[in-house]
Amino acid sequence: MKAQLEIIKRWLTPSGPKSARSLFKSAGLPFPTIPEPLAAKLEHRDKWLFSTRKIEVPPYFLQQYAEEFESGQVTDYVILSHDGHGINSYAIQYYLVLQGLGLFLHLKWGGVYTNNEKAVADISAAFDVADRIVAWIESMRDDLKHPVQIVASDFYGCYWMIGGEKQDEWDAWENTPLKALNAILESLQSKK
């Protein structure tokens, strides 16, 4: 019976990037650029949860996804969701693992005390810089010798690593993911 209900639920629920775009648009949220090979595989897995992979751990648990990437035991995927707990710990999660890049954005939105209008502007700007980082990494793919990992969170702070070595780190209370992403992009571009 449970399997039949899941099939019916999937049949009634639009799937893929079109559904995700529609949901984000209806909430007034920007939408990240998802690389085409992954966008074609994006599935609507649950309310506010889209992914190309099976989800065993809620995306809110950012560090588990970052550690999984560090282990090197993960294939390319994208996760796009809204998750949280309590009255103000809610965030948009955009996780992209693509050919040696692990990009993990965990950006506040939807909490009772969050200024959602400002949060939407911050998310839009962060997605823009993330798109530029992904484009830069793709343009340098042949020259990259080590995985690049970027973690940017309003709640847990930000850091980035190349080949498992931390390059820089920012405290969540002192810096925003946008500032960190801009600094990371500038640093990457200077390595050219």
C-alpha atoms as a PDB file:
ATOM      1  CA  MET A   1       0.000   0.000   0.000  1.00  0.00           C
ATOM      2  CA  LYS A   2       2.812   2.423   0.918  1.00  0.00           C
ATOM      3  CA  ALA A   3       4.521   1.792  -2.440  1.00  0.00           C
ATOM      4  CA  GLN A   4       1.244   2.440  -4.263  1.00  0.00           C
ATOM      5  CA  LEU A   5       0.750   5.731  -2.407  1.00  0.00           C
ATOM      6  CA  GLU A   6       4.294   6.794  -3.343  1.00  0.00           C
ATOM      7  CA  ILE A   7       3.607   6.062  -7.018  1.00  0.00           C
ATOM      8  CA  ILE A   8       0.360   8.054  -6.887  1.00  0.00           C
ATOM      9  CA  LYS A   9       2.101  10.918  -5.077  1.00  0.00           C
ATOM     10  CA  ARG A  10       4.848  11.052  -7.744  1.00  0.00           C
ATOM     11  CA  TRP A  11       2.255  10.875 -10.518  1.00  0.00           C
ATOM     12  CA  LEU A  12       0.257  13.781  -9.039  1.00  0.00           C
ATOM     13  CA  THR A  13       3.307  15.880  -8.173  1.00  0.00           C
ATOM     14  CA  PRO A  14       5.103  17.614 -11.034  1.00  0.00           C
ATOM     15  CA  SER A  15       8.714  16.514 -11.193  1.00  0.00           C
ATOM     16  CA  GLY A  16      11.961  18.052 -12.229  1.00  0.00           C
ATOM     17  CA  PRO A  17      13.340  21.508 -12.683  1.00  0.00           C
ATOM     18  CA  LYS A  18      10.066  22.950 -14.000  1.00  0.00           C
ATOM     19  CA  SER A  19       8.351  22.067 -10.729  1.00  0.00           C
ATOM     20  CA  ALA A  20      11.248  23.457  -8.684  1.00  0.00           C
ATOM     21  CA  ARG A  21      11.308  26.692 -10.678  1.00  0.00           C
ATOM     22  CA  SER A  22       7.563  27.070 -10.250  1.00  0.00           C
ATOM     23  CA  LEU A  23       7.754  26.551  -6.488  1.00  0.00           C
ATOM     24  CA  PHE A  24      10.645  28.980  -6.061  1.00  0.00           C
ATOM     25  CA  LYS A  25       8.957  31.573  -8.290  1.00  0.00           C
ATOM     26  CA  SER A  26       5.686  31.308  -6.345  1.00  0.00           C
ATOM     27  CA  ALA A  27       7.648  31.957  -3.133  1.00  0.00           C
ATOM     28  CA  GLY A  28       9.427  34.952  -4.691  1.00  0.00           C
ATOM     29  CA  LEU A  29      12.787  33.181  -4.621  1.00  0.00           C
ATOM     30  CA  PRO A  30      15.537  33.210  -7.238  1.00  0.00           C
ATOM     31  CA  PHE A  31      16.568  29.949  -8.858  1.00  0.00           C
ATOM     32  CA  PRO A  32      20.175  28.802  -9.247  1.00  0.00           C
ATOM     33  CA  THR A  33      21.624  27.733 -12.563  1.00  0.00           C
ATOM     34  CA  ILE A  34      21.701  23.940 -12.438  1.00  0.00           C
ATOM     35  CA  PRO A  35      24.115  22.396 -14.959  1.00  0.00           C
ATOM     36  CA  GLU A  36      22.130  20.686 -17.719  1.00  0.00           C
ATOM     37  CA  PRO A  37      23.259  17.083 -17.164  1.00  0.00           C
ATOM     38  CA  LEU A  38      21.995  17.306 -13.579  1.00  0.00           C
ATOM     39  CA  ALA A  39      18.930  19.458 -14.286  1.00  0.00           C
ATOM     40  CA  ALA A  40      17.561  16.735 -16.540  1.00  0.00           C
ATOM     41  CA  LYS A  41      17.732  14.264 -13.622  1.00  0.00           C
ATOM     42  CA  LEU A  42      16.231  16.538 -10.951  1.00  0.00           C
ATOM     43  CA  GLU A  43      13.272  14.938  -9.157  1.00  0.00           C
ATOM     44  CA  HIS A  44      10.675  16.303  -6.755  1.00  0.00           C
ATOM     45  CA  ARG A  45      11.287  14.091  -3.704  1.00  0.00           C
ATOM     46  CA  ASP A  46       9.194  15.795  -1.035  1.00  0.00           C
ATOM     47  CA  LYS A  47       7.714  19.165  -0.147  1.00  0.00           C
ATOM     48  CA  TRP A  48      10.477  21.698  -0.857  1.00  0.00           C
ATOM     49  CA  LEU A  49      12.969  18.970  -1.718  1.00  0.00           C
ATOM     50  CA  PHE A  50      14.373  18.407  -5.205  1.00  0.00           C
ATOM     51  CA  SER A  51      17.338  16.173  -5.862  1.00  0.00           C
ATOM     52  CA  THR A  52      19.108  13.990  -8.387  1.00  0.00           C
ATOM     53  CA  ARG A  53      20.059  11.522  -5.656  1.00  0.00           C
ATOM     54  CA  LYS A  54      18.383   9.531  -2.940  1.00  0.00           C
ATOM     55  CA  ILE A  55      18.075  11.531   0.277  1.00  0.00           C
ATOM     56  CA  GLU A  56      18.891   9.684   3.492  1.00  0.00           C
ATOM     57  CA  VAL A  57      19.923  12.703   5.574  1.00  0.00           C
ATOM     58  CA  PRO A  58      17.845  15.911   5.510  1.00  0.00           C
ATOM     59  CA  PRO A  59      19.729  18.631   3.600  1.00  0.00           C
ATOM     60  CA  TYR A  60      19.621  20.862   6.674  1.00  0.00           C
ATOM     61  CA  PHE A  61      22.505  18.771   8.031  1.00  0.00           C
ATOM     62  CA  LEU A  62      25.036  20.575   5.878  1.00  0.00           C
ATOM     63  CA  GLN A  63      28.181  19.186   7.464  1.00  0.00           C
ATOM     64  CA  GLN A  64      27.250  15.590   6.670  1.00  0.00           C
ATOM     65  CA  TYR A  65      27.088  16.466   2.976  1.00  0.00           C
ATOM     66  CA  ALA A  66      30.379  18.379   3.171  1.00  0.00           C
ATOM     67  CA  GLU A  67      32.085  15.450   4.919  1.00  0.00           C
ATOM     68  CA  GLU A  68      30.666  13.026   2.360  1.00  0.00           C
ATOM     69  CA  PHE A  69      32.255  15.116  -0.414  1.00  0.00           C
ATOM     70  CA  GLU A  70      35.568  15.174   1.446  1.00  0.00           C
ATOM     71  CA  SER A  71      35.539  11.378   1.563  1.00  0.00           C
ATOM     72  CA  GLY A  72      35.591  11.279  -2.257  1.00  0.00           C
ATOM     73  CA  GLN A  73      32.914   8.583  -2.228  1.00  0.00           C
ATOM     74  CA  VAL A  74      30.158  10.526  -3.954  1.00  0.00           C
ATOM     75  CA  THR A  75      29.022  10.938  -7.550  1.00  0.00           C
ATOM     76  CA  ASP A  76      27.760  14.149  -9.126  1.00  0.00           C
ATOM     77  CA  TYR A  77      24.422  15.425  -7.812  1.00  0.00           C
ATOM     78  CA  VAL A  78      22.341  18.478  -7.043  1.00  0.00           C
ATOM     79  CA  ILE A  79      20.021  19.111  -4.100  1.00  0.00           C
ATOM     80  CA  LEU A  80      17.730  22.115  -3.865  1.00  0.00           C
ATOM     81  CA  SER A  81      15.537  22.415  -0.786  1.00  0.00           C
ATOM     82  CA  HIS A  82      14.097  24.475   2.027  1.00  0.00           C
ATOM     83  CA  ASP A  83      14.485  22.917   5.429  1.00  0.00           C
ATOM     84  CA  GLY A  84      14.883  23.916   9.044  1.00  0.00           C
ATOM     85  CA  HIS A  85      13.691  23.677  12.610  1.00  0.00           C
ATOM     86  CA  GLY A  86      12.461  25.870  15.437  1.00  0.00           C
ATOM     87  CA  ILE A  87      11.071  29.297  14.664  1.00  0.00           C
ATOM     88  CA  ASN A  88      14.005  30.914  12.868  1.00  0.00           C
ATOM     89  CA  SER A  89      16.488  28.257  11.745  1.00  0.00           C
ATOM     90  CA  TYR A  90      15.241  27.822   8.179  1.00  0.00           C
ATOM     91  CA  ALA A  91      17.369  27.919   5.063  1.00  0.00           C
ATOM     92  CA  ILE A  92      17.492  27.296   1.345  1.00  0.00           C
ATOM     93  CA  GLN A  93      19.987  24.566   0.604  1.00  0.00           C
ATOM     94  CA  TYR A  94      21.666  24.365  -2.794  1.00  0.00           C
ATOM     95  CA  TYR A  95      24.250  21.599  -2.947  1.00  0.00           C
ATOM     96  CA  LEU A  96      26.079  20.928  -6.198  1.00  0.00           C
ATOM     97  CA  VAL A  97      28.663  18.205  -6.646  1.00  0.00           C
ATOM     98  CA  LEU A  98      30.048  18.255 -10.169  1.00  0.00           C
ATOM     99  CA  GLN A  99      33.329  16.834 -11.436  1.00  0.00           C
ATOM    100  CA  GLY A 100      35.555  17.693  -8.490  1.00  0.00           C
ATOM    101  CA  LEU A 101      33.558  20.702  -7.257  1.00  0.00           C
ATOM    102  CA  GLY A 102      31.535  20.501  -4.066  1.00  0.00           C
ATOM    103  CA  LEU A 103      29.465  23.675  -3.609  1.00  0.00           C
ATOM    104  CA  PHE A 104      27.261  23.738  -0.502  1.00  0.00           C
ATOM    105  CA  LEU A 105      25.097  26.834   0.065  1.00  0.00           C
ATOM    106  CA  HIS A 106      22.909  26.994   3.168  1.00  0.00           C
ATOM    107  CA  LEU A 107      21.203  30.403   3.061  1.00  0.00           C
ATOM    108  CA  LYS A 108      18.687  31.699   5.588  1.00  0.00           C
ATOM    109  CA  TRP A 109      15.116  32.192   4.443  1.00  0.00           C
ATOM    110  CA  GLY A 110      11.699  31.487   5.914  1.00  0.00           C
ATOM    111  CA  GLY A 111      12.263  31.905   9.645  1.00  0.00           C
ATOM    112  CA  VAL A 112       9.804  33.876  11.767  1.00  0.00           C
ATOM    113  CA  TYR A 113      12.374  36.589  12.541  1.00  0.00           C
ATOM    114  CA  THR A 114      14.140  36.544   9.177  1.00  0.00           C
ATOM    115  CA  ASN A 115      13.754  39.583   6.962  1.00  0.00           C
ATOM    116  CA  ASN A 116      12.740  37.489   3.959  1.00  0.00           C
ATOM    117  CA  GLU A 117      12.855  40.415   1.522  1.00  0.00           C
ATOM    118  CA  LYS A 118      16.519  41.001   2.388  1.00  0.00           C
ATOM    119  CA  ALA A 119      17.146  37.247   2.453  1.00  0.00           C
ATOM    120  CA  VAL A 120      15.798  36.910  -1.117  1.00  0.00           C
ATOM    121  CA  ALA A 121      18.179  39.642  -2.295  1.00  0.00           C
ATOM    122  CA  ASP A 122      21.077  37.905  -0.495  1.00  0.00           C
ATOM    123  CA  ILE A 123      20.147  34.506  -1.964  1.00  0.00           C
ATOM    124  CA  SER A 124      19.900  35.988  -5.455  1.00  0.00           C
ATOM    125  CA  ALA A 125      23.337  37.589  -5.141  1.00  0.00           C
ATOM    126  CA  ALA A 126      24.831  34.385  -3.675  1.00  0.00           C
ATOM    127  CA  PHE A 127      23.368  32.291  -6.520  1.00  0.00           C
ATOM    128  CA  ASP A 128      24.848  34.769  -9.021  1.00  0.00           C
ATOM    129  CA  VAL A 129      28.351  34.470  -7.547  1.00  0.00           C
ATOM    130  CA  ALA A 130      27.970  30.685  -7.220  1.00  0.00           C
ATOM    131  CA  ASP A 131      27.075  30.523 -10.926  1.00  0.00           C
ATOM    132  CA  ARG A 132      30.250  32.470 -11.720  1.00  0.00           C
ATOM    133  CA  ILE A 133      32.309  30.109  -9.540  1.00  0.00           C
ATOM    134  CA  VAL A 134      30.849  27.054 -11.296  1.00  0.00           C
ATOM    135  CA  ALA A 135      31.563  28.631 -14.706  1.00  0.00           C
ATOM    136  CA  TRP A 136      35.143  29.430 -13.672  1.00  0.00           C
ATOM    137  CA  ILE A 137      35.719  25.885 -12.357  1.00  0.00           C
ATOM    138  CA  GLU A 138      34.302  24.428 -15.583  1.00  0.00           C
ATOM    139  CA  SER A 139      36.562  26.669 -17.671  1.00  0.00           C
ATOM    140  CA  MET A 140      39.593  25.497 -15.674  1.00  0.00           C
ATOM    141  CA  ARG A 141      38.557  21.827 -15.502  1.00  0.00           C
ATOM    142  CA  ASP A 142      41.654  20.575 -17.376  1.00  0.00           C
ATOM    143  CA  ASP A 143      43.993  22.501 -15.066  1.00  0.00           C
ATOM    144  CA  LEU A 144      42.383  21.451 -11.770  1.00  0.00           C
ATOM    145  CA  LYS A 145      44.428  18.797 -10.055  1.00  0.00           C
ATOM    146  CA  HIS A 146      42.492  18.642  -6.773  1.00  0.00           C
ATOM    147  CA  PRO A 147      38.832  18.832  -5.681  1.00  0.00           C
ATOM    148  CA  VAL A 148      37.491  22.235  -4.701  1.00  0.00           C
ATOM    149  CA  GLN A 149      35.014  22.401  -1.844  1.00  0.00           C
ATOM    150  CA  ILE A 150      33.044  25.518  -0.901  1.00  0.00           C
ATOM    151  CA  VAL A 151      30.739  25.717   2.122  1.00  0.00           C
ATOM    152  CA  ALA A 152      28.763  28.934   2.648  1.00  0.00           C
ATOM    153  CA  SER A 153      26.173  29.123   5.420  1.00  0.00           C
ATOM    154  CA  ASP A 154      24.435  31.895   7.308  1.00  0.00           C
ATOM    155  CA  PHE A 155      24.273  29.599  10.349  1.00  0.00           C
ATOM    156  CA  TYR A 156      27.481  27.558  10.326  1.00  0.00           C
ATOM    157  CA  GLY A 157      30.001  29.892   8.742  1.00  0.00           C
ATOM    158  CA  CYS A 158      31.914  29.576   5.504  1.00  0.00           C
ATOM    159  CA  TYR A 159      35.112  27.916   4.332  1.00  0.00           C
ATOM    160  CA  TRP A 160      36.714  26.531   1.240  1.00  0.00           C
ATOM    161  CA  MET A 161      39.294  23.888   0.517  1.00  0.00           C
ATOM    162  CA  ILE A 162      41.425  22.691  -2.352  1.00  0.00           C
ATOM    163  CA  GLY A 163      42.467  19.056  -2.190  1.00  0.00           C
ATOM    164  CA  GLY A 164      41.316  18.846   1.428  1.00  0.00           C
ATOM    165  CA  GLU A 165      43.474  21.796   2.559  1.00  0.00           C
ATOM    166  CA  LYS A 166      41.535  24.706   4.029  1.00  0.00           C
ATOM    167  CA  GLN A 167      42.195  27.903   2.100  1.00  0.00           C
ATOM    168  CA  ASP A 168      40.138  30.322   4.174  1.00  0.00           C
ATOM    169  CA  GLU A 169      37.369  30.383   6.764  1.00  0.00           C
ATOM    170  CA  TRP A 170      34.766  32.939   7.885  1.00  0.00           C
ATOM    171  CA  ASP A 171      32.702  33.041  11.075  1.00  0.00           C
ATOM    172  CA  ALA A 172      28.916  33.102  10.567  1.00  0.00           C
ATOM    173  CA  TRP A 173      28.459  36.075  12.894  1.00  0.00           C
ATOM    174  CA  GLU A 174      31.073  38.266  11.252  1.00  0.00           C
ATOM    175  CA  ASN A 175      30.651  37.559   7.540  1.00  0.00           C
ATOM    176  CA  THR A 176      27.934  36.594   5.129  1.00  0.00           C
ATOM    177  CA  PRO A 177      28.010  33.767   2.593  1.00  0.00           C
ATOM    178  CA  LEU A 178      27.970  36.429  -0.142  1.00  0.00           C
ATOM    179  CA  LYS A 179      31.155  38.053   1.163  1.00  0.00           C
ATOM    180  CA  ALA A 180      32.803  34.644   1.427  1.00  0.00           C
ATOM    181  CA  LEU A 181      31.708  33.584  -2.078  1.00  0.00           C
ATOM    182  CA  ASN A 182      33.036  36.837  -3.561  1.00  0.00           C
ATOM    183  CA  ALA A 183      36.369  36.351  -1.762  1.00  0.00           C
ATOM    184  CA  ILE A 184      36.551  32.744  -2.980  1.00  0.00           C
ATOM    185  CA  LEU A 185      35.807  33.749  -6.579  1.00  0.00           C
ATOM    186  CA  GLU A 186      38.468  36.467  -6.440  1.00  0.00           C
ATOM    187  CA  SER A 187      40.991  34.017  -5.016  1.00  0.00           C
ATOM    188  CA  LEU A 188      40.186  31.364  -7.633  1.00  0.00           C
ATOM    189  CA  GLN A 189      40.523  33.863 -10.439  1.00  0.00           C
ATOM    190  CA  SER A 190      43.909  34.988  -9.106  1.00  0.00           C
ATOM    191  CA  LYS A 191      45.189  31.393  -9.356  1.00  0.00           C
ATOM    192  CA  LYS A 192      44.658  31.354 -13.135  1.00  0.00           C
END
